[in-house]
PDB file of all heavy atoms in Angstrom:
ATOM      1  N   GLN A   1     192.431 108.302 -86.544  1.00  0.00           N
ATOM      2  CA  GLN A   1     191.089 108.539 -87.050  1.00  0.00           C
ATOM      3  C   GLN A   1     191.144 109.504 -88.237  1.00  0.00           C
ATOM      4  O   GLN A   1     191.784 110.549 -88.163  1.00  0.00           O
ATOM      5  CB  GLN A   1     190.208 109.139 -85.942  1.00  0.00           C
ATOM      6  CG  GLN A   1     189.976 108.218 -84.758  1.00  0.00           C
ATOM      7  CD  GLN A   1     188.937 107.144 -85.038  1.00  0.00           C
ATOM      8  OE1 GLN A   1     188.410 107.044 -86.156  1.00  0.00           O
ATOM      9  NE2 GLN A   1     188.645 106.343 -84.033  1.00  0.00           N
ATOM     10  N   LEU A   2     190.468 109.146 -89.320  1.00  0.00           N
ATOM     11  CA  LEU A   2     190.449 109.970 -90.528  1.00  0.00           C
ATOM     12  C   LEU A   2     189.196 110.840 -90.627  1.00  0.00           C
ATOM     13  O   LEU A   2     189.041 111.572 -91.604  1.00  0.00           O
ATOM     14  CB  LEU A   2     190.541 109.090 -91.776  1.00  0.00           C
ATOM     15  CG  LEU A   2     191.786 108.200 -91.893  1.00  0.00           C
ATOM     16  CD1 LEU A   2     191.756 107.432 -93.219  1.00  0.00           C
ATOM     17  CD2 LEU A   2     193.061 109.020 -91.769  1.00  0.00           C
ATOM     18  N   GLY A   3     188.322 110.737 -89.641  1.00  0.00           N
ATOM     19  CA  GLY A   3     187.122 111.560 -89.653  1.00  0.00           C
ATOM     20  C   GLY A   3     185.974 110.897 -90.392  1.00  0.00           C
ATOM     21  O   GLY A   3     185.849 109.670 -90.429  1.00  0.00           O
ATOM     22  N   ILE A   4     185.127 111.719 -90.994  1.00  0.00           N
ATOM     23  CA  ILE A   4     183.926 111.246 -91.688  1.00  0.00           C
ATOM     24  C   ILE A   4     183.994 111.654 -93.158  1.00  0.00           C
ATOM     25  O   ILE A   4     184.172 112.833 -93.476  1.00  0.00           O
ATOM     26  CB  ILE A   4     182.657 111.837 -91.048  1.00  0.00           C
ATOM     27  CG1 ILE A   4     182.559 111.436 -89.572  1.00  0.00           C
ATOM     28  CG2 ILE A   4     181.409 111.391 -91.809  1.00  0.00           C
ATOM     29  CD1 ILE A   4     181.448 112.139 -88.822  1.00  0.00           C
ATOM     30  N   ALA A   5     183.867 110.662 -94.030  1.00  0.00           N
ATOM     31  CA  ALA A   5     183.816 110.936 -95.470  1.00  0.00           C
ATOM     32  C   ALA A   5     182.366 110.937 -95.919  1.00  0.00           C
ATOM     33  O   ALA A   5     181.562 110.104 -95.491  1.00  0.00           O
ATOM     34  CB  ALA A   5     184.605 109.883 -96.242  1.00  0.00           C
ATOM     35  N   ARG A   6     182.026 111.868 -96.758  1.00  0.00           N
ATOM     36  CA  ARG A   6     180.674 111.945 -97.288  1.00  0.00           C
ATOM     37  C   ARG A   6     180.474 110.923 -98.414  1.00  0.00           C
ATOM     38  O   ARG A   6     181.417 110.333 -98.923  1.00  0.00           O
ATOM     39  CB  ARG A   6     180.382 113.367 -97.777  1.00  0.00           C
ATOM     40  CG  ARG A   6     180.465 114.406 -96.665  1.00  0.00           C
ATOM     41  CD  ARG A   6     179.568 114.033 -95.499  1.00  0.00           C
ATOM     42  NE  ARG A   6     179.850 114.775 -94.275  1.00  0.00           N
ATOM     43  CZ  ARG A   6     179.377 114.439 -93.095  1.00  0.00           C
ATOM     44  NH1 ARG A   6     178.629 113.347 -92.970  1.00  0.00           N
ATOM     45  NH2 ARG A   6     179.657 115.148 -92.027  1.00  0.00           N
ATOM     46  N   ASP A   7     179.212 110.738 -98.804  1.00  0.00           N
ATOM     47  CA  ASP A   7     178.883 109.720 -99.796  1.00  0.00           C
ATOM     48  C   ASP A   7     179.128 110.228-101.215  1.00  0.00           C
ATOM     49  O   ASP A   7     178.212 110.373-102.030  1.00  0.00           O
ATOM     50  CB  ASP A   7     177.422 109.286 -99.632  1.00  0.00           C
ATOM     51  CG  ASP A   7     177.203 108.447 -98.387  1.00  0.00           C
ATOM     52  OD1 ASP A   7     178.115 107.684 -98.040  1.00  0.00           O
ATOM     53  OD2 ASP A   7     176.130 108.564 -97.764  1.00  0.00           O
ATOM     54  N   SER A   8     180.385 110.497-101.498  1.00  0.00           N
ATOM     55  CA  SER A   8     180.782 110.824-102.857  1.00  0.00           C
ATOM     56  C   SER A   8     182.136 110.190-103.104  1.00  0.00           C
ATOM     57  O   SER A   8     182.968 110.090-102.199  1.00  0.00           O
ATOM     58  CB  SER A   8     180.870 112.343-103.063  1.00  0.00           C
ATOM     59  OG  SER A   8     182.015 112.882-102.440  1.00  0.00           O
ATOM     60  N   ARG A   9     182.345 109.753-104.333  1.00  0.00           N
ATOM     61  CA  ARG A   9     183.610 109.101-104.646  1.00  0.00           C
ATOM     62  C   ARG A   9     184.781 110.049-104.413  1.00  0.00           C
ATOM     63  O   ARG A   9     185.827 109.636-103.916  1.00  0.00           O
ATOM     64  CB  ARG A   9     183.602 108.610-106.096  1.00  0.00           C
ATOM     65  CG  ARG A   9     184.841 107.793-106.452  1.00  0.00           C
ATOM     66  CD  ARG A   9     184.813 107.280-107.876  1.00  0.00           C
ATOM     67  NE  ARG A   9     183.688 106.380-108.086  1.00  0.00           N
ATOM     68  CZ  ARG A   9     183.615 105.524-109.116  1.00  0.00           C
ATOM     69  NH1 ARG A   9     184.596 105.470-109.988  1.00  0.00           N
ATOM     70  NH2 ARG A   9     182.572 104.751-109.270  1.00  0.00           N
ATOM     71  N   GLU A  10     184.601 111.325-104.736  1.00  0.00           N
ATOM     72  CA  GLU A  10     185.682 112.297-104.584  1.00  0.00           C
ATOM     73  C   GLU A  10     186.092 112.437-103.123  1.00  0.00           C
ATOM     74  O   GLU A  10     187.292 112.463-102.796  1.00  0.00           O
ATOM     75  CB  GLU A  10     185.250 113.656-105.146  1.00  0.00           C
ATOM     76  CG  GLU A  10     185.014 113.685-106.649  1.00  0.00           C
ATOM     77  CD  GLU A  10     183.704 113.012-107.038  1.00  0.00           C
ATOM     78  OE1 GLU A  10     182.814 112.878-106.147  1.00  0.00           O
ATOM     79  OE2 GLU A  10     183.581 112.614-108.213  1.00  0.00           O
ATOM     80  N   ASP A  11     185.101 112.523-102.222  1.00  0.00           N
ATOM     81  CA  ASP A  11     185.438 112.706-100.803  1.00  0.00           C
ATOM     82  C   ASP A  11     186.048 111.436-100.216  1.00  0.00           C
ATOM     83  O   ASP A  11     186.963 111.495 -99.388  1.00  0.00           O
ATOM     84  CB  ASP A  11     184.194 113.110-100.018  1.00  0.00           C
ATOM     85  CG  ASP A  11     184.560 113.800 -98.704  1.00  0.00           C
ATOM     86  OD1 ASP A  11     185.524 114.599 -98.698  1.00  0.00           O
ATOM     87  OD2 ASP A  11     183.903 113.529 -97.682  1.00  0.00           O
ATOM     88  N   LEU A  12     185.556 110.294-100.664  1.00  0.00           N
ATOM     89  CA  LEU A  12     186.150 109.033-100.198  1.00  0.00           C
ATOM     90  C   LEU A  12     187.601 108.913-100.640  1.00  0.00           C
ATOM     91  O   LEU A  12     188.486 108.570 -99.848  1.00  0.00           O
ATOM     92  CB  LEU A  12     185.338 107.852-100.725  1.00  0.00           C
ATOM     93  CG  LEU A  12     183.998 107.589-100.033  1.00  0.00           C
ATOM     94  CD1 LEU A  12     183.154 106.638-100.861  1.00  0.00           C
ATOM     95  CD2 LEU A  12     184.220 107.018 -98.632  1.00  0.00           C
ATOM     96  N   VAL A  13     187.862 109.209-101.920  1.00  0.00           N
ATOM     97  CA  VAL A  13     189.234 109.126-102.430  1.00  0.00           C
ATOM     98  C   VAL A  13     190.135 110.097-101.678  1.00  0.00           C
ATOM     99  O   VAL A  13     191.281 109.781-101.338  1.00  0.00           O
ATOM    100  CB  VAL A  13     189.254 109.405-103.939  1.00  0.00           C
ATOM    101  CG1 VAL A  13     190.693 109.570-104.436  1.00  0.00           C
ATOM    102  CG2 VAL A  13     188.565 108.278-104.698  1.00  0.00           C
ATOM    103  N   ARG A  14     189.618 111.291-101.388  1.00  0.00           N
ATOM    104  CA  ARG A  14     190.419 112.284-100.650  1.00  0.00           C
ATOM    105  C   ARG A  14     190.773 111.775 -99.255  1.00  0.00           C
ATOM    106  O   ARG A  14     191.925 111.913 -98.804  1.00  0.00           O
ATOM    107  CB  ARG A  14     189.640 113.597-100.544  1.00  0.00           C
ATOM    108  CG  ARG A  14     190.401 114.723 -99.829  1.00  0.00           C
ATOM    109  CD  ARG A  14     189.618 116.017 -99.858  1.00  0.00           C
ATOM    110  NE  ARG A  14     188.386 115.907 -99.095  1.00  0.00           N
ATOM    111  CZ  ARG A  14     188.323 116.095 -97.766  1.00  0.00           C
ATOM    112  NH1 ARG A  14     189.427 116.344 -97.075  1.00  0.00           N
ATOM    113  NH2 ARG A  14     187.173 115.996 -97.140  1.00  0.00           N
ATOM    114  N   HIS A  15     189.823 111.179 -98.572  1.00  0.00           N
ATOM    115  CA  HIS A  15     190.097 110.641 -97.229  1.00  0.00           C
ATOM    116  C   HIS A  15     191.018 109.426 -97.304  1.00  0.00           C
ATOM    117  O   HIS A  15     191.904 109.258 -96.461  1.00  0.00           O
ATOM    118  CB  HIS A  15     188.789 110.283 -96.528  1.00  0.00           C
ATOM    119  CG  HIS A  15     188.100 111.444 -95.892  1.00  0.00           C
ATOM    120  ND1 HIS A  15     187.288 112.303 -96.582  1.00  0.00           N
ATOM    121  CD2 HIS A  15     188.138 111.904 -94.607  1.00  0.00           C
ATOM    122  CE1 HIS A  15     186.821 113.230 -95.768  1.00  0.00           C
ATOM    123  NE2 HIS A  15     187.320 113.018 -94.558  1.00  0.00           N
ATOM    124  N   PHE A  16     190.815 108.563 -98.298  1.00  0.00           N
ATOM    125  CA  PHE A  16     191.684 107.395 -98.418  1.00  0.00           C
ATOM    126  C   PHE A  16     193.139 107.816 -98.646  1.00  0.00           C
ATOM    127  O   PHE A  16     194.074 107.138 -98.192  1.00  0.00           O
ATOM    128  CB  PHE A  16     191.222 106.494 -99.563  1.00  0.00           C
ATOM    129  CG  PHE A  16     189.936 105.767 -99.296  1.00  0.00           C
ATOM    130  CD1 PHE A  16     189.144 105.311-100.343  1.00  0.00           C
ATOM    131  CD2 PHE A  16     189.505 105.531 -98.001  1.00  0.00           C
ATOM    132  CE1 PHE A  16     187.955 104.638-100.106  1.00  0.00           C
ATOM    133  CE2 PHE A  16     188.314 104.856 -97.748  1.00  0.00           C
ATOM    134  CZ  PHE A  16     187.532 104.409 -98.803  1.00  0.00           C
ATOM    135  N   ALA A  17     193.345 108.911 -99.328  1.00  0.00           N
ATOM    136  CA  ALA A  17     194.708 109.383 -99.569  1.00  0.00           C
ATOM    137  C   ALA A  17     195.417 109.754 -98.277  1.00  0.00           C
ATOM    138  O   ALA A  17     196.651 109.727 -98.205  1.00  0.00           O
ATOM    139  CB  ALA A  17     194.677 110.585-100.520  1.00  0.00           C
ATOM    140  N   MET A  18     194.642 110.101 -97.251  1.00  0.00           N
ATOM    141  CA  MET A  18     195.226 110.456 -95.959  1.00  0.00           C
ATOM    142  C   MET A  18     195.806 109.229 -95.248  1.00  0.00           C
ATOM    143  O   MET A  18     196.527 109.366 -94.260  1.00  0.00           O
ATOM    144  CB  MET A  18     194.166 111.112 -95.071  1.00  0.00           C
ATOM    145  CG  MET A  18     193.618 112.420 -95.624  1.00  0.00           C
ATOM    146  SD  MET A  18     192.053 112.933 -94.839  1.00  0.00           S
ATOM    147  CE  MET A  18     192.502 112.930 -93.113  1.00  0.00           C
ATOM    148  N   ALA A  19     195.490 108.042 -95.744  1.00  0.00           N
ATOM    149  CA  ALA A  19     195.952 106.803 -95.110  1.00  0.00           C
ATOM    150  C   ALA A  19     197.047 106.126 -95.911  1.00  0.00           C
ATOM    151  O   ALA A  19     197.235 104.915 -95.811  1.00  0.00           O
ATOM    152  CB  ALA A  19     194.775 105.854 -94.933  1.00  0.00           C
ATOM    153  N   ALA A  20     197.797 106.901 -96.692  1.00  0.00           N
ATOM    154  CA  ALA A  20     198.802 106.316 -97.577  1.00  0.00           C
ATOM    155  C   ALA A  20     199.868 105.534 -96.813  1.00  0.00           C
ATOM    156  O   ALA A  20     200.444 104.574 -97.345  1.00  0.00           O
ATOM    157  CB  ALA A  20     199.455 107.420 -98.408  1.00  0.00           C
ATOM    158  N   ASP A  21     200.156 105.923 -95.572  1.00  0.00           N
ATOM    159  CA  ASP A  21     201.205 105.249 -94.806  1.00  0.00           C
ATOM    160  C   ASP A  21     200.660 104.173 -93.877  1.00  0.00           C
ATOM    161  O   ASP A  21     201.404 103.601 -93.078  1.00  0.00           O
ATOM    162  CB  ASP A  21     202.003 106.269 -93.997  1.00  0.00           C
ATOM    163  CG  ASP A  21     201.147 106.980 -92.960  1.00  0.00           C
ATOM    164  OD1 ASP A  21     199.904 106.957 -93.081  1.00  0.00           O
ATOM    165  OD2 ASP A  21     201.726 107.573 -92.014  1.00  0.00           O
ATOM    166  N   ALA A  22     199.374 103.896 -93.946  1.00  0.00           N
ATOM    167  CA  ALA A  22     198.765 102.919 -93.033  1.00  0.00           C
ATOM    168  C   ALA A  22     199.019 101.497 -93.515  1.00  0.00           C
ATOM    169  O   ALA A  22     199.028 101.213 -94.712  1.00  0.00           O
ATOM    170  CB  ALA A  22     197.273 103.176 -92.910  1.00  0.00           C
ATOM    171  N   ASP A  23     199.202 100.597 -92.577  1.00  0.00           N
ATOM    172  CA  ASP A  23     199.269  99.174 -92.903  1.00  0.00           C
ATOM    173  C   ASP A  23     197.875  98.627 -93.181  1.00  0.00           C
ATOM    174  O   ASP A  23     197.702  97.730 -94.000  1.00  0.00           O
ATOM    175  CB  ASP A  23     199.892  98.397 -91.744  1.00  0.00           C
ATOM    176  CG  ASP A  23     201.310  98.833 -91.450  1.00  0.00           C
ATOM    177  OD1 ASP A  23     202.181  98.588 -92.293  1.00  0.00           O
ATOM    178  OD2 ASP A  23     201.538  99.438 -90.385  1.00  0.00           O
ATOM    179  N   ILE A  24     196.898  99.160 -92.464  1.00  0.00           N
ATOM    180  CA  ILE A  24     195.511  98.715 -92.633  1.00  0.00           C
ATOM    181  C   ILE A  24     194.617  99.950 -92.674  1.00  0.00           C
ATOM    182  O   ILE A  24     194.657 100.793 -91.771  1.00  0.00           O
ATOM    183  CB  ILE A  24     195.058  97.804 -91.471  1.00  0.00           C
ATOM    184  CG1 ILE A  24     196.056  96.669 -91.232  1.00  0.00           C
ATOM    185  CG2 ILE A  24     193.670  97.251 -91.744  1.00  0.00           C
ATOM    186  CD1 ILE A  24     195.801  95.889 -89.945  1.00  0.00           C
ATOM    187  N   LEU A  25     193.821 100.038 -93.710  1.00  0.00           N
ATOM    188  CA  LEU A  25     192.798 101.077 -93.806  1.00  0.00           C
ATOM    189  C   LEU A  25     191.458 100.420 -93.504  1.00  0.00           C
ATOM    190  O   LEU A  25     191.058  99.470 -94.182  1.00  0.00           O
ATOM    191  CB  LEU A  25     192.789 101.697 -95.202  1.00  0.00           C
ATOM    192  CG  LEU A  25     191.576 102.569 -95.546  1.00  0.00           C
ATOM    193  CD1 LEU A  25     191.490 103.775 -94.624  1.00  0.00           C
ATOM    194  CD2 LEU A  25     191.624 103.008 -97.004  1.00  0.00           C
ATOM    195  N   VAL A  26     190.778 100.914 -92.490  1.00  0.00           N
ATOM    196  CA  VAL A  26     189.467 100.387 -92.119  1.00  0.00           C
ATOM    197  C   VAL A  26     188.424 101.454 -92.408  1.00  0.00           C
ATOM    198  O   VAL A  26     188.488 102.557 -91.864  1.00  0.00           O
ATOM    199  CB  VAL A  26     189.407 100.001 -90.628  1.00  0.00           C
ATOM    200  CG1 VAL A  26     188.040  99.411 -90.292  1.00  0.00           C
ATOM    201  CG2 VAL A  26     190.508  99.010 -90.282  1.00  0.00           C
ATOM    202  N   SER A  27     187.481 101.120 -93.279  1.00  0.00           N
ATOM    203  CA  SER A  27     186.352 102.011 -93.535  1.00  0.00           C
ATOM    204  C   SER A  27     185.101 101.390 -92.934  1.00  0.00           C
ATOM    205  O   SER A  27     184.965 100.170 -92.870  1.00  0.00           O
ATOM    206  CB  SER A  27     186.169 102.252 -95.036  1.00  0.00           C
ATOM    207  OG  SER A  27     185.884 101.037 -95.700  1.00  0.00           O
ATOM    208  N   ILE A  28     184.209 102.243 -92.485  1.00  0.00           N
ATOM    209  CA  ILE A  28     182.979 101.775 -91.843  1.00  0.00           C
ATOM    210  C   ILE A  28     181.797 102.338 -92.615  1.00  0.00           C
ATOM    211  O   ILE A  28     181.621 103.548 -92.716  1.00  0.00           O
ATOM    212  CB  ILE A  28     182.920 102.228 -90.371  1.00  0.00           C
ATOM    213  CG1 ILE A  28     184.150 101.740 -89.604  1.00  0.00           C
ATOM    214  CG2 ILE A  28     181.641 101.715 -89.712  1.00  0.00           C
ATOM    215  CD1 ILE A  28     184.274 102.322 -88.210  1.00  0.00           C
ATOM    216  N   GLY A  29     180.981 101.427 -93.177  1.00  0.00           N
ATOM    217  CA  GLY A  29     179.822 101.826 -93.960  1.00  0.00           C
ATOM    218  C   GLY A  29     180.136 101.892 -95.437  1.00  0.00           C
ATOM    219  O   GLY A  29     181.298 101.900 -95.868  1.00  0.00           O
TER     220      GLY A  29
END
């Protein structure tokens, strides 16, 4: 679980970077 990203491009990009080693990144919303 990567937690909750706020509705800003910067926060989304920061959270997406935490999934660099994932085979599948699933975002909700």
